[in-house]
Amino acid sequence: MLSKWATGGGAHGQPWLRHFDLLLSVPLMLEYEKVLKQADIRAQSHLTMEEVDVLLDMLAAVGTPHTPSFHWRPQLPRSRR
């Protein structure tokens, strides 16, 4: 897959059209719902509450359930004071 991306030999020579999995977790879907149902976001998108629910249902239907794992933590250097 990576070699196809690098050479541009992906889907019909267009690497941005390749297949990918949409990983979704419960917290992520709840965050999407919270943001998409905000009045200012709905005003910009011209979506009704029912249409937002349909959009979220569609995302859930095509997404792959994923449980985040937090075993790895970045090791940031300590500040020198």
PDB file of N, CA and C in Angstrom:
ATOM      1  N   MET A   1       0.833  -1.189   0.000  1.00  0.00           N
ATOM      2  CA  MET A   1       0.000   0.000   0.000  1.00  0.00           C
ATOM      3  C   MET A   1       0.875   1.249   0.000  1.00  0.00           C
ATOM      4  N   LEU A   2       1.917   1.255   0.830  1.00  0.00           N
ATOM      5  CA  LEU A   2       2.771   2.435   0.912  1.00  0.00           C
ATOM      6  C   LEU A   2       3.481   2.688  -0.409  1.00  0.00           C
ATOM      7  N   SER A   3       3.927   1.613  -1.072  1.00  0.00           N
ATOM      8  CA  SER A   3       4.615   1.808  -2.347  1.00  0.00           C
ATOM      9  C   SER A   3       3.667   2.369  -3.393  1.00  0.00           C
ATOM     10  N   LYS A   4       2.415   1.958  -3.375  1.00  0.00           N
ATOM     11  CA  LYS A   4       1.435   2.517  -4.309  1.00  0.00           C
ATOM     12  C   LYS A   4       1.218   3.999  -4.030  1.00  0.00           C
ATOM     13  N   TRP A   5       1.221   4.375  -2.746  1.00  0.00           N
ATOM     14  CA  TRP A   5       1.042   5.779  -2.382  1.00  0.00           C
ATOM     15  C   TRP A   5       2.223   6.602  -2.892  1.00  0.00           C
ATOM     16  N   ALA A   6       3.422   6.106  -2.673  1.00  0.00           N
ATOM     17  CA  ALA A   6       4.615   6.855  -3.042  1.00  0.00           C
ATOM     18  C   ALA A   6       4.741   7.020  -4.554  1.00  0.00           C
ATOM     19  N   THR A   7       4.311   6.023  -5.315  1.00  0.00           N
ATOM     20  CA  THR A   7       4.452   6.086  -6.766  1.00  0.00           C
ATOM     21  C   THR A   7       3.233   6.669  -7.456  1.00  0.00           C
ATOM     22  N   GLY A   8       2.177   6.945  -6.686  1.00  0.00           N
ATOM     23  CA  GLY A   8       0.961   7.469  -7.297  1.00  0.00           C
ATOM     24  C   GLY A   8       0.159   6.384  -7.984  1.00  0.00           C
ATOM     25  N   GLY A   9       0.434   5.116  -7.664  1.00  0.00           N
ATOM     26  CA  GLY A   9      -0.261   4.009  -8.316  1.00  0.00           C
ATOM     27  C   GLY A   9      -1.463   3.520  -7.537  1.00  0.00           C
ATOM     28  N   GLY A  10      -2.010   4.361  -6.704  1.00  0.00           N
ATOM     29  CA  GLY A  10      -3.185   3.983  -5.915  1.00  0.00           C
ATOM     30  C   GLY A  10      -4.400   3.836  -6.812  1.00  0.00           C
ATOM     31  N   ALA A  11      -5.555   4.116  -6.297  1.00  0.00           N
ATOM     32  CA  ALA A  11      -6.805   3.974  -7.041  1.00  0.00           C
ATOM     33  C   ALA A  11      -6.765   4.843  -8.294  1.00  0.00           C
ATOM     34  N   HIS A  12      -6.599   4.217  -9.431  1.00  0.00           N
ATOM     35  CA  HIS A  12      -6.572   4.903 -10.723  1.00  0.00           C
ATOM     36  C   HIS A  12      -5.523   6.010 -10.774  1.00  0.00           C
ATOM     37  N   GLY A  13      -4.369   5.766 -10.123  1.00  0.00           N
ATOM     38  CA  GLY A  13      -3.293   6.745 -10.152  1.00  0.00           C
ATOM     39  C   GLY A  13      -3.522   7.946  -9.251  1.00  0.00           C
ATOM     40  N   GLN A  14      -4.572   7.901  -8.445  1.00  0.00           N
ATOM     41  CA  GLN A  14      -4.873   9.012  -7.548  1.00  0.00           C
ATOM     42  C   GLN A  14      -4.777   8.512  -6.113  1.00  0.00           C
ATOM     43  N   PRO A  15      -3.643   8.730  -5.446  1.00  0.00           N
ATOM     44  CA  PRO A  15      -3.414   8.125  -4.134  1.00  0.00           C
ATOM     45  C   PRO A  15      -4.417   8.544  -3.072  1.00  0.00           C
ATOM     46  N   TRP A  16      -5.039   9.706  -3.204  1.00  0.00           N
ATOM     47  CA  TRP A  16      -5.985  10.152  -2.173  1.00  0.00           C
ATOM     48  C   TRP A  16      -7.314   9.403  -2.252  1.00  0.00           C
ATOM     49  N   LEU A  17      -7.508   8.561  -3.267  1.00  0.00           N
ATOM     50  CA  LEU A  17      -8.747   7.804  -3.387  1.00  0.00           C
ATOM     51  C   LEU A  17      -8.602   6.369  -2.884  1.00  0.00           C
ATOM     52  N   ARG A  18      -7.554   6.080  -2.133  1.00  0.00           N
ATOM     53  CA  ARG A  18      -7.344   4.723  -1.670  1.00  0.00           C
ATOM     54  C   ARG A  18      -8.303   4.373  -0.532  1.00  0.00           C
ATOM     55  N   HIS A  19      -8.390   3.102  -0.216  1.00  0.00           N
ATOM     56  CA  HIS A  19      -9.266   2.590   0.832  1.00  0.00           C
ATOM     57  C   HIS A  19      -8.692   2.915   2.212  1.00  0.00           C
ATOM     58  N   PHE A  20      -9.559   3.221   3.145  1.00  0.00           N
ATOM     59  CA  PHE A  20      -9.137   3.406   4.530  1.00  0.00           C
ATOM     60  C   PHE A  20     -10.270   2.971   5.438  1.00  0.00           C
ATOM     61  N   ASP A  21      -9.947   2.638   6.675  1.00  0.00           N
ATOM     62  CA  ASP A  21     -10.939   2.266   7.680  1.00  0.00           C
ATOM     63  C   ASP A  21     -11.212   3.477   8.558  1.00  0.00           C
ATOM     64  N   LEU A  22     -12.483   3.752   8.768  1.00  0.00           N
ATOM     65  CA  LEU A  22     -12.897   4.827   9.650  1.00  0.00           C
ATOM     66  C   LEU A  22     -13.067   4.231  11.041  1.00  0.00           C
ATOM     67  N   LEU A  23     -12.094   4.461  11.915  1.00  0.00           N
ATOM     68  CA  LEU A  23     -12.141   3.910  13.268  1.00  0.00           C
ATOM     69  C   LEU A  23     -12.940   4.847  14.160  1.00  0.00           C
ATOM     70  N   LEU A  24     -13.946   4.287  14.821  1.00  0.00           N
ATOM     71  CA  LEU A  24     -14.829   5.082  15.670  1.00  0.00           C
ATOM     72  C   LEU A  24     -14.924   4.451  17.051  1.00  0.00           C
ATOM     73  N   SER A  25     -14.873   5.279  18.063  1.00  0.00           N
ATOM     74  CA  SER A  25     -15.077   4.822  19.436  1.00  0.00           C
ATOM     75  C   SER A  25     -16.323   5.526  19.979  1.00  0.00           C
ATOM     76  N   VAL A  26     -16.832   5.020  21.068  1.00  0.00           N
ATOM     77  CA  VAL A  26     -18.002   5.645  21.688  1.00  0.00           C
ATOM     78  C   VAL A  26     -17.696   7.094  22.082  1.00  0.00           C
ATOM     79  N   PRO A  27     -16.555   7.367  22.752  1.00  0.00           N
ATOM     80  CA  PRO A  27     -16.266   8.772  23.092  1.00  0.00           C
ATOM     81  C   PRO A  27     -16.161   9.670  21.858  1.00  0.00           C
ATOM     82  N   LEU A  28     -15.604   9.164  20.777  1.00  0.00           N
ATOM     83  CA  LEU A  28     -15.479   9.971  19.570  1.00  0.00           C
ATOM     84  C   LEU A  28     -16.854  10.269  18.975  1.00  0.00           C
ATOM     85  N   MET A  29     -17.730   9.278  18.929  1.00  0.00           N
ATOM     86  CA  MET A  29     -19.080   9.504  18.398  1.00  0.00           C
ATOM     87  C   MET A  29     -19.853  10.489  19.279  1.00  0.00           C
ATOM     88  N   LEU A  30     -19.673  10.401  20.580  1.00  0.00           N
ATOM     89  CA  LEU A  30     -20.337  11.349  21.480  1.00  0.00           C
ATOM     90  C   LEU A  30     -19.817  12.770  21.254  1.00  0.00           C
ATOM     91  N   GLU A  31     -18.519  12.886  20.992  1.00  0.00           N
ATOM     92  CA  GLU A  31     -17.942  14.203  20.702  1.00  0.00           C
ATOM     93  C   GLU A  31     -18.486  14.738  19.382  1.00  0.00           C
ATOM     94  N   TYR A  32     -18.556  13.886  18.352  1.00  0.00           N
ATOM     95  CA  TYR A  32     -19.146  14.309  17.075  1.00  0.00           C
ATOM     96  C   TYR A  32     -20.575  14.798  17.282  1.00  0.00           C
ATOM     97  N   GLU A  33     -21.354  14.044  18.067  1.00  0.00           N
ATOM     98  CA  GLU A  33     -22.744  14.427  18.311  1.00  0.00           C
ATOM     99  C   GLU A  33     -22.818  15.776  19.029  1.00  0.00           C
ATOM    100  N   LYS A  34     -22.000  15.949  20.042  1.00  0.00           N
ATOM    101  CA  LYS A  34     -21.999  17.200  20.812  1.00  0.00           C
ATOM    102  C   LYS A  34     -21.694  18.393  19.911  1.00  0.00           C
ATOM    103  N   VAL A  35     -20.673  18.260  19.071  1.00  0.00           N
ATOM    104  CA  VAL A  35     -20.257  19.367  18.206  1.00  0.00           C
ATOM    105  C   VAL A  35     -21.282  19.619  17.113  1.00  0.00           C
ATOM    106  N   LEU A  36     -21.724  18.549  16.448  1.00  0.00           N
ATOM    107  CA  LEU A  36     -22.642  18.718  15.316  1.00  0.00           C
ATOM    108  C   LEU A  36     -24.011  19.257  15.727  1.00  0.00           C
ATOM    109  N   LYS A  37     -24.383  19.071  16.985  1.00  0.00           N
ATOM    110  CA  LYS A  37     -25.694  19.547  17.441  1.00  0.00           C
ATOM    111  C   LYS A  37     -25.646  20.955  18.036  1.00  0.00           C
ATOM    112  N   GLN A  38     -24.485  21.589  18.035  1.00  0.00           N
ATOM    113  CA  GLN A  38     -24.400  22.970  18.493  1.00  0.00           C
ATOM    114  C   GLN A  38     -25.120  23.871  17.492  1.00  0.00           C
ATOM    115  N   ALA A  39     -25.826  24.847  18.004  1.00  0.00           N
ATOM    116  CA  ALA A  39     -26.649  25.723  17.161  1.00  0.00           C
ATOM    117  C   ALA A  39     -25.829  26.417  16.077  1.00  0.00           C
ATOM    118  N   ASP A  40     -24.640  26.925  16.418  1.00  0.00           N
ATOM    119  CA  ASP A  40     -23.845  27.642  15.415  1.00  0.00           C
ATOM    120  C   ASP A  40     -23.334  26.712  14.319  1.00  0.00           C
ATOM    121  N   ILE A  41     -22.993  25.489  14.676  1.00  0.00           N
ATOM    122  CA  ILE A  41     -22.545  24.515  13.673  1.00  0.00           C
ATOM    123  C   ILE A  41     -23.709  24.130  12.764  1.00  0.00           C
ATOM    124  N   ARG A  42     -24.869  23.893  13.353  1.00  0.00           N
ATOM    125  CA  ARG A  42     -26.043  23.546  12.531  1.00  0.00           C
ATOM    126  C   ARG A  42     -26.440  24.701  11.633  1.00  0.00           C
ATOM    127  N   ALA A  43     -26.289  25.942  12.105  1.00  0.00           N
ATOM    128  CA  ALA A  43     -26.614  27.107  11.276  1.00  0.00           C
ATOM    129  C   ALA A  43     -25.679  27.186  10.069  1.00  0.00           C
ATOM    130  N   GLN A  44     -24.407  26.893  10.281  1.00  0.00           N
ATOM    131  CA  GLN A  44     -23.444  26.928   9.178  1.00  0.00           C
ATOM    132  C   GLN A  44     -23.660  25.781   8.192  1.00  0.00           C
ATOM    133  N   SER A  45     -24.057  24.618   8.704  1.00  0.00           N
ATOM    134  CA  SER A  45     -24.213  23.445   7.845  1.00  0.00           C
ATOM    135  C   SER A  45     -25.618  23.323   7.258  1.00  0.00           C
ATOM    136  N   HIS A  46     -26.563  24.087   7.793  1.00  0.00           N
ATOM    137  CA  HIS A  46     -27.963  24.033   7.361  1.00  0.00           C
ATOM    138  C   HIS A  46     -28.579  22.650   7.584  1.00  0.00           C
ATOM    139  N   LEU A  47     -28.122  21.947   8.635  1.00  0.00           N
ATOM    140  CA  LEU A  47     -28.664  20.634   8.965  1.00  0.00           C
ATOM    141  C   LEU A  47     -29.663  20.755  10.111  1.00  0.00           C
ATOM    142  N   THR A  48     -30.730  19.979  10.036  1.00  0.00           N
ATOM    143  CA  THR A  48     -31.669  19.893  11.146  1.00  0.00           C
ATOM    144  C   THR A  48     -31.131  18.874  12.146  1.00  0.00           C
ATOM    145  N   MET A  49     -31.732  18.831  13.326  1.00  0.00           N
ATOM    146  CA  MET A  49     -31.332  17.843  14.328  1.00  0.00           C
ATOM    147  C   MET A  49     -31.523  16.426  13.784  1.00  0.00           C
ATOM    148  N   GLU A  50     -32.609  16.215  13.061  1.00  0.00           N
ATOM    149  CA  GLU A  50     -32.879  14.894  12.488  1.00  0.00           C
ATOM    150  C   GLU A  50     -31.811  14.523  11.458  1.00  0.00           C
ATOM    151  N   GLU A  51     -31.369  15.494  10.661  1.00  0.00           N
ATOM    152  CA  GLU A  51     -30.337  15.232   9.657  1.00  0.00           C
ATOM    153  C   GLU A  51     -28.987  14.946  10.317  1.00  0.00           C
ATOM    154  N   VAL A  52     -28.708  15.610  11.437  1.00  0.00           N
ATOM    155  CA  VAL A  52     -27.488  15.318  12.185  1.00  0.00           C
ATOM    156  C   VAL A  52     -27.536  13.886  12.697  1.00  0.00           C
ATOM    157  N   ASP A  53     -28.691  13.471  13.217  1.00  0.00           N
ATOM    158  CA  ASP A  53     -28.836  12.097  13.703  1.00  0.00           C
ATOM    159  C   ASP A  53     -28.627  11.088  12.572  1.00  0.00           C
ATOM    160  N   VAL A  54     -29.151  11.387  11.391  1.00  0.00           N
ATOM    161  CA  VAL A  54     -28.966  10.505  10.236  1.00  0.00           C
ATOM    162  C   VAL A  54     -27.490  10.444   9.861  1.00  0.00           C
ATOM    163  N   LEU A  55     -26.824  11.582   9.848  1.00  0.00           N
ATOM    164  CA  LEU A  55     -25.398  11.622   9.533  1.00  0.00           C
ATOM    165  C   LEU A  55     -24.599  10.779  10.523  1.00  0.00           C
ATOM    166  N   LEU A  56     -24.888  10.917  11.810  1.00  0.00           N
ATOM    167  CA  LEU A  56     -24.194  10.137  12.825  1.00  0.00           C
ATOM    168  C   LEU A  56     -24.479   8.646  12.665  1.00  0.00           C
ATOM    169  N   ASP A  57     -25.726   8.300  12.345  1.00  0.00           N
ATOM    170  CA  ASP A  57     -26.071   6.893  12.101  1.00  0.00           C
ATOM    171  C   ASP A  57     -25.310   6.346  10.901  1.00  0.00           C
ATOM    172  N   MET A  58     -25.163   7.169   9.858  1.00  0.00           N
ATOM    173  CA  MET A  58     -24.425   6.738   8.667  1.00  0.00           C
ATOM    174  C   MET A  58     -22.944   6.527   8.999  1.00  0.00           C
ATOM    175  N   LEU A  59     -22.358   7.430   9.777  1.00  0.00           N
ATOM    176  CA  LEU A  59     -20.973   7.255  10.191  1.00  0.00           C
ATOM    177  C   LEU A  59     -20.798   5.957  10.980  1.00  0.00           C
ATOM    178  N   ALA A  60     -21.718   5.719  11.909  1.00  0.00           N
ATOM    179  CA  ALA A  60     -21.643   4.510  12.724  1.00  0.00           C
ATOM    180  C   ALA A  60     -21.806   3.257  11.866  1.00  0.00           C
ATOM    181  N   ALA A  61     -22.611   3.334  10.807  1.00  0.00           N
ATOM    182  CA  ALA A  61     -22.844   2.179   9.948  1.00  0.00           C
ATOM    183  C   ALA A  61     -21.616   1.807   9.121  1.00  0.00           C
ATOM    184  N   VAL A  62     -20.849   2.798   8.693  1.00  0.00           N
ATOM    185  CA  VAL A  62     -19.697   2.501   7.839  1.00  0.00           C
ATOM    186  C   VAL A  62     -18.387   2.437   8.627  1.00  0.00           C
ATOM    187  N   GLY A  63     -18.391   2.914   9.864  1.00  0.00           N
ATOM    188  CA  GLY A  63     -17.167   2.922  10.661  1.00  0.00           C
ATOM    189  C   GLY A  63     -16.867   1.573  11.276  1.00  0.00           C
ATOM    190  N   THR A  64     -15.630   1.428  11.705  1.00  0.00           N
ATOM    191  CA  THR A  64     -15.175   0.218  12.384  1.00  0.00           C
ATOM    192  C   THR A  64     -15.066   0.529  13.871  1.00  0.00           C
ATOM    193  N   PRO A  65     -15.780  -0.238  14.709  1.00  0.00           N
ATOM    194  CA  PRO A  65     -15.689   0.014  16.150  1.00  0.00           C
ATOM    195  C   PRO A  65     -14.247  -0.151  16.633  1.00  0.00           C
ATOM    196  N   HIS A  66     -13.833   0.758  17.499  1.00  0.00           N
ATOM    197  CA  HIS A  66     -12.456   0.743  17.997  1.00  0.00           C
ATOM    198  C   HIS A  66     -12.452   1.182  19.447  1.00  0.00           C
ATOM    199  N   THR A  67     -11.729   0.456  20.265  1.00  0.00           N
ATOM    200  CA  THR A  67     -11.554   0.836  21.659  1.00  0.00           C
ATOM    201  C   THR A  67     -10.153   1.406  21.800  1.00  0.00           C
ATOM    202  N   PRO A  68     -10.049   2.680  22.150  1.00  0.00           N
ATOM    203  CA  PRO A  68      -8.713   3.277  22.274  1.00  0.00           C
ATOM    204  C   PRO A  68      -7.888   2.597  23.367  1.00  0.00           C
ATOM    205  N   SER A  69      -6.606   2.517  23.130  1.00  0.00           N
ATOM    206  CA  SER A  69      -5.685   1.948  24.102  1.00  0.00           C
ATOM    207  C   SER A  69      -4.724   3.055  24.534  1.00  0.00           C
ATOM    208  N   PHE A  70      -4.616   3.246  25.809  1.00  0.00           N
ATOM    209  CA  PHE A  70      -3.780   4.315  26.326  1.00  0.00           C
ATOM    210  C   PHE A  70      -2.557   3.768  27.064  1.00  0.00           C
ATOM    211  N   HIS A  71      -1.989   2.683  26.560  1.00  0.00           N
ATOM    212  CA  HIS A  71      -0.812   2.096  27.192  1.00  0.00           C
ATOM    213  C   HIS A  71       0.443   2.928  26.933  1.00  0.00           C
ATOM    214  N   TRP A  72       0.445   3.656  25.835  1.00  0.00           N
ATOM    215  CA  TRP A  72       1.616   4.452  25.475  1.00  0.00           C
ATOM    216  C   TRP A  72       1.347   5.900  25.827  1.00  0.00           C
ATOM    217  N   ARG A  73       2.307   6.509  26.476  1.00  0.00           N
ATOM    218  CA  ARG A  73       2.221   7.927  26.808  1.00  0.00           C
ATOM    219  C   ARG A  73       3.473   8.618  26.276  1.00  0.00           C
ATOM    220  N   PRO A  74       3.317   9.781  25.683  1.00  0.00           N
ATOM    221  CA  PRO A  74       4.512  10.477  25.213  1.00  0.00           C
ATOM    222  C   PRO A  74       5.397  10.893  26.391  1.00  0.00           C
ATOM    223  N   GLN A  75       6.674  10.798  26.205  1.00  0.00           N
ATOM    224  CA  GLN A  75       7.632  11.188  27.238  1.00  0.00           C
ATOM    225  C   GLN A  75       8.191  12.554  26.865  1.00  0.00           C
ATOM    226  N   LEU A  76       7.645  13.585  27.455  1.00  0.00           N
ATOM    227  CA  LEU A  76       8.100  14.942  27.176  1.00  0.00           C
ATOM    228  C   LEU A  76       9.237  15.309  28.119  1.00  0.00           C
ATOM    229  N   PRO A  77      10.208  16.045  27.619  1.00  0.00           N
ATOM    230  CA  PRO A  77      11.300  16.437  28.513  1.00  0.00           C
ATOM    231  C   PRO A  77      10.797  17.353  29.616  1.00  0.00           C
ATOM    232  N   ARG A  78      11.353  17.176  30.787  1.00  0.00           N
ATOM    233  CA  ARG A  78      10.972  18.048  31.907  1.00  0.00           C
ATOM    234  C   ARG A  78      11.582  19.424  31.707  1.00  0.00           C
ATOM    235  N   SER A  79      10.840  20.431  32.137  1.00  0.00           N
ATOM    236  CA  SER A  79      11.366  21.790  31.999  1.00  0.00           C
ATOM    237  C   SER A  79      12.502  21.984  33.005  1.00  0.00           C
ATOM    238  N   ARG A  80      13.512  22.723  32.580  1.00  0.00           N
ATOM    239  CA  ARG A  80      14.664  22.974  33.444  1.00  0.00           C
ATOM    240  C   ARG A  80      14.519  24.333  34.106  1.00  0.00           C
ATOM    241  N   ARG A  81      14.227  24.332  35.351  1.00  0.00           N
ATOM    242  CA  ARG A  81      14.049  25.593  36.076  1.00  0.00           C
ATOM    243  C   ARG A  81      15.157  25.805  37.044  1.00  0.00           C
TER     244      ARG A  81
END
